[in-house]
Amino acid sequence: MSDDDIQTMAKKTPPSMSMVEPRFREIYKKFYKESYFTPTALDLKTKELIAVAASAVAKCEGCLEGHIKKALEVGATKQEISDALVVAIGIAAAGVMDMSDRAAIKLDLHHFE
């Protein structure tokens, strides 16, 4: 197999989906297209900004890069992207606080009360 063949195959099937049966990949792609690109109450720019924040919280680097690029393409400003990331930072921090609260309750710890 040539390098060109490998490159072509890599473009057809993203590495994140290479171990998923084709029928399930198609189900995922259909769901993604339907939920993301079908007009709803949210415009595409808003969806992209949500996707930027969700990608950051999900720690999906490829998703984050793709959604930042797409957000810029659909008219999001650098400030709007920054705001979305700040929301993600707040949610991620809240997750740490929630986990530490639960651990404190389970272990009956009250360090700073």
C-alpha atoms as a PDB file:
ATOM      1  CA  MET A   1       0.000   0.000   0.000  1.00  0.00           C
ATOM      2  CA  SER A   2       1.431   3.362  -0.997  1.00  0.00           C
ATOM      3  CA  ASP A   3       1.672   6.460   1.176  1.00  0.00           C
ATOM      4  CA  ASP A   4      -0.999   8.072  -1.014  1.00  0.00           C
ATOM      5  CA  ASP A   5      -3.359   5.147  -0.375  1.00  0.00           C
ATOM      6  CA  ILE A   6      -2.792   5.433   3.371  1.00  0.00           C
ATOM      7  CA  GLN A   7      -3.435   9.198   3.266  1.00  0.00           C
ATOM      8  CA  THR A   8      -6.645   8.658   1.280  1.00  0.00           C
ATOM      9  CA  MET A   9      -7.865   6.034   3.749  1.00  0.00           C
ATOM     10  CA  ALA A  10      -7.023   8.274   6.699  1.00  0.00           C
ATOM     11  CA  LYS A  11      -9.158  11.041   5.220  1.00  0.00           C
ATOM     12  CA  LYS A  12     -12.127   8.694   4.750  1.00  0.00           C
ATOM     13  CA  THR A  13     -12.193   7.298   8.268  1.00  0.00           C
ATOM     14  CA  PRO A  14     -11.084   9.513  11.128  1.00  0.00           C
ATOM     15  CA  PRO A  15      -8.909   7.637  13.633  1.00  0.00           C
ATOM     16  CA  SER A  16     -11.525   8.175  16.324  1.00  0.00           C
ATOM     17  CA  MET A  17     -13.985   6.124  14.306  1.00  0.00           C
ATOM     18  CA  SER A  18     -11.657   3.507  12.832  1.00  0.00           C
ATOM     19  CA  MET A  19     -12.628   0.851  15.359  1.00  0.00           C
ATOM     20  CA  VAL A  20     -16.377   1.410  15.134  1.00  0.00           C
ATOM     21  CA  GLU A  21     -18.439  -0.751  12.780  1.00  0.00           C
ATOM     22  CA  PRO A  22     -19.415   1.151   9.643  1.00  0.00           C
ATOM     23  CA  ARG A  23     -23.153   0.843  10.382  1.00  0.00           C
ATOM     24  CA  PHE A  24     -22.697   2.527  13.761  1.00  0.00           C
ATOM     25  CA  ARG A  25     -20.487   5.209  12.206  1.00  0.00           C
ATOM     26  CA  GLU A  26     -23.312   5.960   9.779  1.00  0.00           C
ATOM     27  CA  ILE A  27     -25.840   6.167  12.623  1.00  0.00           C
ATOM     28  CA  TYR A  28     -23.545   8.600  14.439  1.00  0.00           C
ATOM     29  CA  LYS A  29     -22.946  10.719  11.332  1.00  0.00           C
ATOM     30  CA  LYS A  30     -26.673  10.874  10.597  1.00  0.00           C
ATOM     31  CA  PHE A  31     -27.447  11.907  14.180  1.00  0.00           C
ATOM     32  CA  TYR A  32     -24.689  14.523  14.100  1.00  0.00           C
ATOM     33  CA  LYS A  33     -25.876  16.006  10.811  1.00  0.00           C
ATOM     34  CA  GLU A  34     -29.528  15.957  11.888  1.00  0.00           C
ATOM     35  CA  SER A  35     -28.914  17.530  15.296  1.00  0.00           C
ATOM     36  CA  TYR A  36     -26.288  19.971  14.162  1.00  0.00           C
ATOM     37  CA  PHE A  37     -27.079  21.142  10.658  1.00  0.00           C
ATOM     38  CA  THR A  38     -30.871  20.909  10.582  1.00  0.00           C
ATOM     39  CA  PRO A  39     -32.344  24.334  11.381  1.00  0.00           C
ATOM     40  CA  THR A  40     -33.573  24.621  14.954  1.00  0.00           C
ATOM     41  CA  ALA A  41     -34.196  27.437  17.419  1.00  0.00           C
ATOM     42  CA  LEU A  42     -30.409  27.924  17.630  1.00  0.00           C
ATOM     43  CA  ASP A  43     -28.456  29.375  14.736  1.00  0.00           C
ATOM     44  CA  LEU A  44     -25.261  27.662  13.582  1.00  0.00           C
ATOM     45  CA  LYS A  45     -22.982  30.259  15.196  1.00  0.00           C
ATOM     46  CA  THR A  46     -24.601  29.657  18.583  1.00  0.00           C
ATOM     47  CA  LYS A  47     -24.320  25.898  18.096  1.00  0.00           C
ATOM     48  CA  GLU A  48     -20.633  26.296  17.246  1.00  0.00           C
ATOM     49  CA  LEU A  49     -19.988  28.351  20.373  1.00  0.00           C
ATOM     50  CA  ILE A  50     -21.727  25.688  22.457  1.00  0.00           C
ATOM     51  CA  ALA A  51     -19.659  23.052  20.660  1.00  0.00           C
ATOM     52  CA  VAL A  52     -16.459  24.971  21.469  1.00  0.00           C
ATOM     53  CA  ALA A  53     -17.313  24.987  25.176  1.00  0.00           C
ATOM     54  CA  ALA A  54     -18.525  21.381  25.193  1.00  0.00           C
ATOM     55  CA  SER A  55     -15.414  20.221  23.341  1.00  0.00           C
ATOM     56  CA  ALA A  56     -13.181  21.914  25.893  1.00  0.00           C
ATOM     57  CA  VAL A  57     -15.018  20.374  28.841  1.00  0.00           C
ATOM     58  CA  ALA A  58     -15.023  16.962  27.104  1.00  0.00           C
ATOM     59  CA  LYS A  59     -11.266  17.364  26.548  1.00  0.00           C
ATOM     60  CA  CYS A  60     -11.620  16.515  22.856  1.00  0.00           C
ATOM     61  CA  GLU A  61      -8.710  18.327  21.213  1.00  0.00           C
ATOM     62  CA  GLY A  62      -9.731  17.472  17.660  1.00  0.00           C
ATOM     63  CA  CYS A  63     -13.294  18.565  18.374  1.00  0.00           C
ATOM     64  CA  LEU A  64     -12.118  21.831  19.900  1.00  0.00           C
ATOM     65  CA  GLU A  65      -9.876  22.694  16.965  1.00  0.00           C
ATOM     66  CA  GLY A  66     -12.573  21.847  14.446  1.00  0.00           C
ATOM     67  CA  HIS A  67     -15.279  23.783  16.240  1.00  0.00           C
ATOM     68  CA  ILE A  68     -13.094  26.855  16.734  1.00  0.00           C
ATOM     69  CA  LYS A  69     -12.344  26.862  12.991  1.00  0.00           C
ATOM     70  CA  LYS A  70     -16.009  26.372  12.120  1.00  0.00           C
ATOM     71  CA  ALA A  71     -17.092  29.064  14.617  1.00  0.00           C
ATOM     72  CA  LEU A  72     -14.786  31.539  12.910  1.00  0.00           C
ATOM     73  CA  GLU A  73     -16.127  30.481   9.496  1.00  0.00           C
ATOM     74  CA  VAL A  74     -19.731  31.115  10.528  1.00  0.00           C
ATOM     75  CA  GLY A  75     -18.961  34.558  11.935  1.00  0.00           C
ATOM     76  CA  ALA A  76     -18.061  34.077  15.573  1.00  0.00           C
ATOM     77  CA  THR A  77     -15.634  36.678  16.843  1.00  0.00           C
ATOM     78  CA  LYS A  78     -12.506  35.930  18.835  1.00  0.00           C
ATOM     79  CA  GLN A  79     -14.232  37.529  21.839  1.00  0.00           C
ATOM     80  CA  GLU A  80     -17.273  35.243  21.477  1.00  0.00           C
ATOM     81  CA  ILE A  81     -14.991  32.200  21.303  1.00  0.00           C
ATOM     82  CA  SER A  82     -13.144  33.469  24.374  1.00  0.00           C
ATOM     83  CA  ASP A  83     -16.457  33.886  26.206  1.00  0.00           C
ATOM     84  CA  ALA A  84     -17.451  30.311  25.302  1.00  0.00           C
ATOM     85  CA  LEU A  85     -14.122  29.041  26.639  1.00  0.00           C
ATOM     86  CA  VAL A  86     -14.545  31.050  29.848  1.00  0.00           C
ATOM     87  CA  VAL A  87     -17.931  29.367  30.357  1.00  0.00           C
ATOM     88  CA  ALA A  88     -16.230  25.985  29.790  1.00  0.00           C
ATOM     89  CA  ILE A  89     -13.551  26.861  32.342  1.00  0.00           C
ATOM     90  CA  GLY A  90     -16.278  27.735  34.849  1.00  0.00           C
ATOM     91  CA  ILE A  91     -18.116  24.458  34.230  1.00  0.00           C
ATOM     92  CA  ALA A  92     -14.888  22.432  34.507  1.00  0.00           C
ATOM     93  CA  ALA A  93     -14.034  24.197  37.770  1.00  0.00           C
ATOM     94  CA  ALA A  94     -17.554  23.573  39.068  1.00  0.00           C
ATOM     95  CA  GLY A  95     -17.042  19.873  38.350  1.00  0.00           C
ATOM     96  CA  VAL A  96     -13.932  19.846  40.531  1.00  0.00           C
ATOM     97  CA  MET A  97     -15.795  21.685  43.291  1.00  0.00           C
ATOM     98  CA  ASP A  98     -18.675  19.216  43.086  1.00  0.00           C
ATOM     99  CA  MET A  99     -16.329  16.233  43.302  1.00  0.00           C
ATOM    100  CA  SER A 100     -14.476  17.710  46.267  1.00  0.00           C
ATOM    101  CA  ASP A 101     -17.769  18.479  48.036  1.00  0.00           C
ATOM    102  CA  ARG A 102     -18.929  14.898  47.561  1.00  0.00           C
ATOM    103  CA  ALA A 103     -15.592  13.530  48.797  1.00  0.00           C
ATOM    104  CA  ALA A 104     -15.741  15.808  51.856  1.00  0.00           C
ATOM    105  CA  ILE A 105     -19.235  14.574  52.689  1.00  0.00           C
ATOM    106  CA  LYS A 106     -18.293  10.910  52.270  1.00  0.00           C
ATOM    107  CA  LEU A 107     -15.108  11.297  54.316  1.00  0.00           C
ATOM    108  CA  ASP A 108     -16.675  13.666  56.840  1.00  0.00           C
ATOM    109  CA  LEU A 109     -14.016  16.296  56.175  1.00  0.00           C
ATOM    110  CA  HIS A 110     -14.584  19.945  56.904  1.00  0.00           C
ATOM    111  CA  HIS A 111     -11.150  21.551  56.535  1.00  0.00           C
ATOM    112  CA  PHE A 112     -12.206  25.187  56.476  1.00  0.00           C
ATOM    113  CA  GLU A 113     -15.455  25.409  58.413  1.00  0.00           C
END
